[in-house]
């Protein structure tokens, strides 16, 4: 199993605008549930802390294998969402990891 975590900050001139952008991203990624082979889990969270250094949105997902994660990266549904969100996200951070002993 491999875990894939992505965090974003979103564009918006006001707290309300950023909240709406974050909710839009959440809804778009939640639409992937059940559509991606090898994706075992998908959670999208919106920051509640409102601290200055926090990201606005986090995606946590689990895949059967590195190959399943690679296939997700190029899946047409995922690519469509990435295209839709291009102007909304202003920063992106990602970590992919396994917890298996090496």
C-alpha atoms as a PDB file:
ATOM      1  CA  UNK A   1       0.000   0.000   0.000  1.00  0.00           C
ATOM      2  CA  UNK A   2       1.101   3.559  -0.700  1.00  0.00           C
ATOM      3  CA  UNK A   3      -0.327   6.698   0.859  1.00  0.00           C
ATOM      4  CA  UNK A   4      -0.671   9.945  -1.094  1.00  0.00           C
ATOM      5  CA  UNK A   5      -1.150  13.262   0.704  1.00  0.00           C
ATOM      6  CA  UNK A   6      -1.563  16.597  -1.059  1.00  0.00           C
ATOM      7  CA  UNK A   7      -2.110  19.982   0.581  1.00  0.00           C
ATOM      8  CA  UNK A   8      -3.114  23.193  -1.166  1.00  0.00           C
ATOM      9  CA  UNK A   9      -3.572  26.843  -0.483  1.00  0.00           C
ATOM     10  CA  UNK A  10      -6.296  28.398  -2.593  1.00  0.00           C
ATOM     11  CA  UNK A  11      -6.840  31.732  -4.276  1.00  0.00           C
ATOM     12  CA  UNK A  12      -9.292  34.240  -2.821  1.00  0.00           C
ATOM     13  CA  UNK A  13      -9.318  37.877  -1.772  1.00  0.00           C
ATOM     14  CA  UNK A  14     -11.460  37.203   1.302  1.00  0.00           C
ATOM     15  CA  UNK A  15     -11.827  34.405   3.829  1.00  0.00           C
ATOM     16  CA  UNK A  16     -15.234  33.607   2.305  1.00  0.00           C
ATOM     17  CA  UNK A  17     -13.789  33.418  -1.212  1.00  0.00           C
ATOM     18  CA  UNK A  18     -11.040  31.050  -0.018  1.00  0.00           C
ATOM     19  CA  UNK A  19     -13.624  28.933   1.816  1.00  0.00           C
ATOM     20  CA  UNK A  20     -15.726  28.643  -1.347  1.00  0.00           C
ATOM     21  CA  UNK A  21     -12.658  27.697  -3.398  1.00  0.00           C
ATOM     22  CA  UNK A  22     -11.681  25.055  -0.827  1.00  0.00           C
ATOM     23  CA  UNK A  23     -15.209  23.619  -0.828  1.00  0.00           C
ATOM     24  CA  UNK A  24     -15.170  23.473  -4.637  1.00  0.00           C
ATOM     25  CA  UNK A  25     -11.902  21.514  -4.586  1.00  0.00           C
ATOM     26  CA  UNK A  26     -13.334  19.175  -1.949  1.00  0.00           C
ATOM     27  CA  UNK A  27     -16.399  18.441  -4.038  1.00  0.00           C
ATOM     28  CA  UNK A  28     -14.417  17.883  -7.234  1.00  0.00           C
ATOM     29  CA  UNK A  29     -12.072  15.351  -5.632  1.00  0.00           C
ATOM     30  CA  UNK A  30     -14.890  13.597  -3.768  1.00  0.00           C
ATOM     31  CA  UNK A  31     -16.439  12.932  -7.186  1.00  0.00           C
ATOM     32  CA  UNK A  32     -13.551  10.492  -7.792  1.00  0.00           C
ATOM     33  CA  UNK A  33     -14.768   8.057  -5.124  1.00  0.00           C
ATOM     34  CA  UNK A  34     -15.324   4.648  -6.696  1.00  0.00           C
ATOM     35  CA  UNK A  35     -13.944   5.707 -10.088  1.00  0.00           C
ATOM     36  CA  UNK A  36     -10.208   5.029  -9.666  1.00  0.00           C
ATOM     37  CA  UNK A  37      -8.969   1.415  -9.789  1.00  0.00           C
ATOM     38  CA  UNK A  38      -6.648   0.629  -6.897  1.00  0.00           C
ATOM     39  CA  UNK A  39      -7.739   3.622  -4.782  1.00  0.00           C
ATOM     40  CA  UNK A  40      -8.720   2.197  -1.401  1.00  0.00           C
ATOM     41  CA  UNK A  41      -9.431   5.405   0.493  1.00  0.00           C
ATOM     42  CA  UNK A  42      -9.987   9.082  -0.268  1.00  0.00           C
ATOM     43  CA  UNK A  43     -10.527  11.846   2.276  1.00  0.00           C
ATOM     44  CA  UNK A  44     -10.610  15.579   1.632  1.00  0.00           C
ATOM     45  CA  UNK A  45     -10.367  17.917   4.597  1.00  0.00           C
ATOM     46  CA  UNK A  46     -10.721  21.673   4.957  1.00  0.00           C
ATOM     47  CA  UNK A  47      -8.543  23.501   7.476  1.00  0.00           C
ATOM     48  CA  UNK A  48     -10.323  24.515  10.653  1.00  0.00           C
ATOM     49  CA  UNK A  49      -7.341  25.988  12.492  1.00  0.00           C
ATOM     50  CA  UNK A  50      -7.092  29.199  10.451  1.00  0.00           C
ATOM     51  CA  UNK A  51      -3.479  29.632  11.603  1.00  0.00           C
ATOM     52  CA  UNK A  52      -1.342  31.666   9.233  1.00  0.00           C
ATOM     53  CA  UNK A  53       0.920  28.795   8.153  1.00  0.00           C
ATOM     54  CA  UNK A  54      -1.816  26.177   7.566  1.00  0.00           C
ATOM     55  CA  UNK A  55      -2.867  24.923   4.154  1.00  0.00           C
ATOM     56  CA  UNK A  56      -6.507  25.343   3.146  1.00  0.00           C
ATOM     57  CA  UNK A  57      -7.231  21.832   1.825  1.00  0.00           C
ATOM     58  CA  UNK A  58      -5.725  18.381   2.366  1.00  0.00           C
ATOM     59  CA  UNK A  59      -6.261  15.227   0.318  1.00  0.00           C
ATOM     60  CA  UNK A  60      -5.412  11.891   1.938  1.00  0.00           C
ATOM     61  CA  UNK A  61      -5.612   8.744  -0.157  1.00  0.00           C
ATOM     62  CA  UNK A  62      -4.430   5.144  -0.084  1.00  0.00           C
ATOM     63  CA  UNK A  63      -3.628   3.001  -3.104  1.00  0.00           C
ATOM     64  CA  UNK A  64      -2.989  -0.702  -3.525  1.00  0.00           C
ATOM     65  CA  UNK A  65       0.438  -0.074  -5.039  1.00  0.00           C
ATOM     66  CA  UNK A  66       2.798   2.486  -6.533  1.00  0.00           C
ATOM     67  CA  UNK A  67       1.509   1.375  -9.932  1.00  0.00           C
ATOM     68  CA  UNK A  68      -2.082   2.170  -8.903  1.00  0.00           C
ATOM     69  CA  UNK A  69      -0.977   5.625  -7.710  1.00  0.00           C
ATOM     70  CA  UNK A  70       0.858   6.195 -10.997  1.00  0.00           C
ATOM     71  CA  UNK A  71      -2.264   5.154 -12.918  1.00  0.00           C
ATOM     72  CA  UNK A  72      -4.343   7.593 -10.837  1.00  0.00           C
ATOM     73  CA  UNK A  73      -1.967  10.427 -11.753  1.00  0.00           C
ATOM     74  CA  UNK A  74      -2.825   9.864 -15.428  1.00  0.00           C
ATOM     75  CA  UNK A  75      -6.459   8.772 -15.065  1.00  0.00           C
ATOM     76  CA  UNK A  76      -8.763  10.871 -17.300  1.00  0.00           C
ATOM     77  CA  UNK A  77     -11.067  11.813 -14.392  1.00  0.00           C
ATOM     78  CA  UNK A  78      -8.128  13.000 -12.299  1.00  0.00           C
ATOM     79  CA  UNK A  79      -6.630  14.946 -15.212  1.00  0.00           C
ATOM     80  CA  UNK A  80      -9.995  16.617 -15.860  1.00  0.00           C
ATOM     81  CA  UNK A  81     -10.222  17.778 -12.242  1.00  0.00           C
ATOM     82  CA  UNK A  82      -6.618  18.990 -12.249  1.00  0.00           C
ATOM     83  CA  UNK A  83      -7.401  21.077 -15.307  1.00  0.00           C
ATOM     84  CA  UNK A  84     -10.533  22.500 -13.697  1.00  0.00           C
ATOM     85  CA  UNK A  85      -8.614  23.551 -10.574  1.00  0.00           C
ATOM     86  CA  UNK A  86      -5.537  25.053 -12.173  1.00  0.00           C
ATOM     87  CA  UNK A  87      -6.366  28.683 -11.405  1.00  0.00           C
ATOM     88  CA  UNK A  88      -7.805  28.043  -7.939  1.00  0.00           C
ATOM     89  CA  UNK A  89      -4.732  26.541  -6.299  1.00  0.00           C
ATOM     90  CA  UNK A  90      -1.831  28.853  -5.483  1.00  0.00           C
ATOM     91  CA  UNK A  91       0.480  26.402  -3.696  1.00  0.00           C
ATOM     92  CA  UNK A  92       0.680  22.612  -3.626  1.00  0.00           C
ATOM     93  CA  UNK A  93       2.614  20.228  -1.364  1.00  0.00           C
ATOM     94  CA  UNK A  94       2.738  16.458  -1.777  1.00  0.00           C
ATOM     95  CA  UNK A  95       4.049  13.427   0.085  1.00  0.00           C
ATOM     96  CA  UNK A  96       3.798   9.801  -1.083  1.00  0.00           C
ATOM     97  CA  UNK A  97       4.942   7.138   1.353  1.00  0.00           C
ATOM     98  CA  UNK A  98       4.684   3.534   2.463  1.00  0.00           C
ATOM     99  CA  UNK A  99       4.767   2.249   5.998  1.00  0.00           C
ATOM    100  CA  UNK A 100       6.219  -1.115   5.084  1.00  0.00           C
ATOM    101  CA  UNK A 101       9.657  -2.064   6.390  1.00  0.00           C
ATOM    102  CA  UNK A 102      12.414  -1.651   3.799  1.00  0.00           C
END
